[in-house]
Protein backbone atom coordinates (compact mmCIF):
# COMPACT_ATOMS: atom_id res chain seq x y z
CA MET A 1 -10.74 -5.10 -4.34
CA ASN A 2 -8.94 -4.25 -7.60
CA LYS A 3 -7.32 -1.22 -5.95
CA ILE A 4 -6.06 -3.36 -3.09
CA ASN A 5 -4.63 -5.97 -5.46
CA ALA A 6 -2.97 -3.27 -7.58
CA SER A 7 -1.47 -1.73 -4.47
CA ILE A 8 -0.16 -5.10 -3.28
CA GLN A 9 1.37 -5.81 -6.69
CA GLU A 10 2.97 -2.35 -6.79
CA ASN A 11 4.52 -2.87 -3.36
CA GLU A 12 5.80 -6.32 -4.31
CA GLN A 13 7.53 -4.76 -7.33
CA ARG A 14 9.05 -2.11 -5.07
CA ILE A 15 10.37 -4.79 -2.73
CA GLN A 16 11.95 -6.67 -5.65
CA ALA A 17 13.56 -3.47 -6.90
CA LEU A 18 14.90 -2.69 -3.43
CA ASP A 19 16.30 -6.20 -3.06
CA TYR A 20 18.07 -5.77 -6.38
CA LEU A 21 19.48 -2.38 -5.39
CA LEU A 22 20.80 -3.86 -2.15
CA THR A 23 22.88 -6.31 -4.17
CA LEU A 24 24.57 -3.32 -5.82
CA PHE A 25 26.36 -2.48 -2.59
CA ASP A 26 28.77 -5.23 -3.55
CA ARG A 27 31.33 -3.25 -5.58
CA ASN A 28 31.89 -6.15 -8.00
CA VAL A 29 28.22 -6.16 -8.93
CA LEU A 30 27.86 -2.39 -9.07
CA ASP A 31 30.57 -2.15 -11.71
CA THR A 32 28.60 -4.49 -14.00
CA VAL A 33 25.31 -2.56 -13.93
CA SER A 34 24.58 0.44 -16.12
CA ASN A 35 23.48 3.76 -14.71
CA GLN A 36 20.31 3.43 -16.79
CA ARG A 37 19.41 0.14 -15.06
CA ILE A 38 19.99 1.70 -11.64
CA SER A 39 17.79 4.63 -12.64
CA GLN A 40 15.06 2.22 -13.71
CA MET A 41 15.17 0.54 -10.32
CA PHE A 42 14.83 3.87 -8.52
CA THR A 43 11.89 4.75 -10.76
CA ALA A 44 10.25 1.43 -9.89
CA ILE A 45 10.64 2.21 -6.20
CA PHE A 46 9.88 5.93 -6.03
CA GLY A 47 8.33 6.84 -9.36
CA SER A 48 4.77 5.68 -8.91
CA GLY A 49 2.06 7.36 -6.95
CA LEU A 50 -0.27 4.38 -6.85
CA SER A 51 -1.86 4.05 -3.48
CA TYR A 52 -4.99 2.58 -1.99
CA LEU A 53 -7.41 5.28 -0.86
CA PRO A 54 -10.67 3.69 0.24
CA SER A 55 -13.92 5.59 0.07
CA THR A 56 -15.38 5.89 3.55
CA GLY A 57 -18.45 8.01 2.79
CA VAL A 58 -21.03 5.26 3.22
CA LEU A 59 -19.37 3.95 6.37
CA ASN A 60 -19.27 7.45 7.85
CA ASP A 61 -22.96 7.91 7.03
CA ILE A 62 -23.81 4.64 8.80
CA ILE A 63 -21.78 5.60 11.85
CA SER A 64 -23.13 9.14 12.09
CA SER A 65 -26.73 7.97 11.66
CA GLY A 66 -26.35 5.57 14.59
CA LYS A 67 -27.32 2.61 12.44
CA LEU A 68 -24.04 0.81 13.02
CA ASN A 69 -25.82 -0.91 15.91
CA ILE A 70 -27.91 -2.97 13.50
CA ILE A 71 -24.79 -5.05 12.87
CA LEU A 72 -25.03 -7.84 15.41
CA ASN A 73 -21.44 -9.06 15.20
CA LYS A 74 -19.68 -7.00 17.89
CA SER A 75 -16.19 -7.56 16.46
CA LEU A 76 -17.26 -6.47 12.98
CA ARG A 77 -19.03 -3.44 14.41
CA GLN A 78 -15.89 -2.41 16.32
CA ASN A 79 -13.67 -2.92 13.28
CA LEU A 80 -15.97 -0.81 11.13
CA ALA A 81 -16.13 1.93 13.75
CA SER A 82 -12.34 2.13 13.92
CA PHE A 83 -11.64 1.54 10.22
CA GLU A 84 -11.04 5.14 9.20
CA SER A 85 -8.67 5.84 12.10
CA SER A 86 -6.66 2.75 11.18
CA LEU A 87 -5.98 4.28 7.75
CA ASN A 88 -4.04 7.14 9.31
CA LEU A 89 -1.29 4.93 10.79
């Protein structure tokens, strides 16, 4: 859960940085911002490699063993079975 929250926070910071950079397209604003500040915004957007990479080993073991059927909730079972393929979107 901590990885997910960190990823969400990272993406929120990227969105804020992008919103700020979009304001710079107004020439009057661009002239008031230093090149260093613009560079910092680009670093905030593109400079981090933080990403959420879930471990699917246990889930794959459950699926390959055929024991996924012990989960009675059909919707949950289907979501678990398709979880890994949904990561590749």
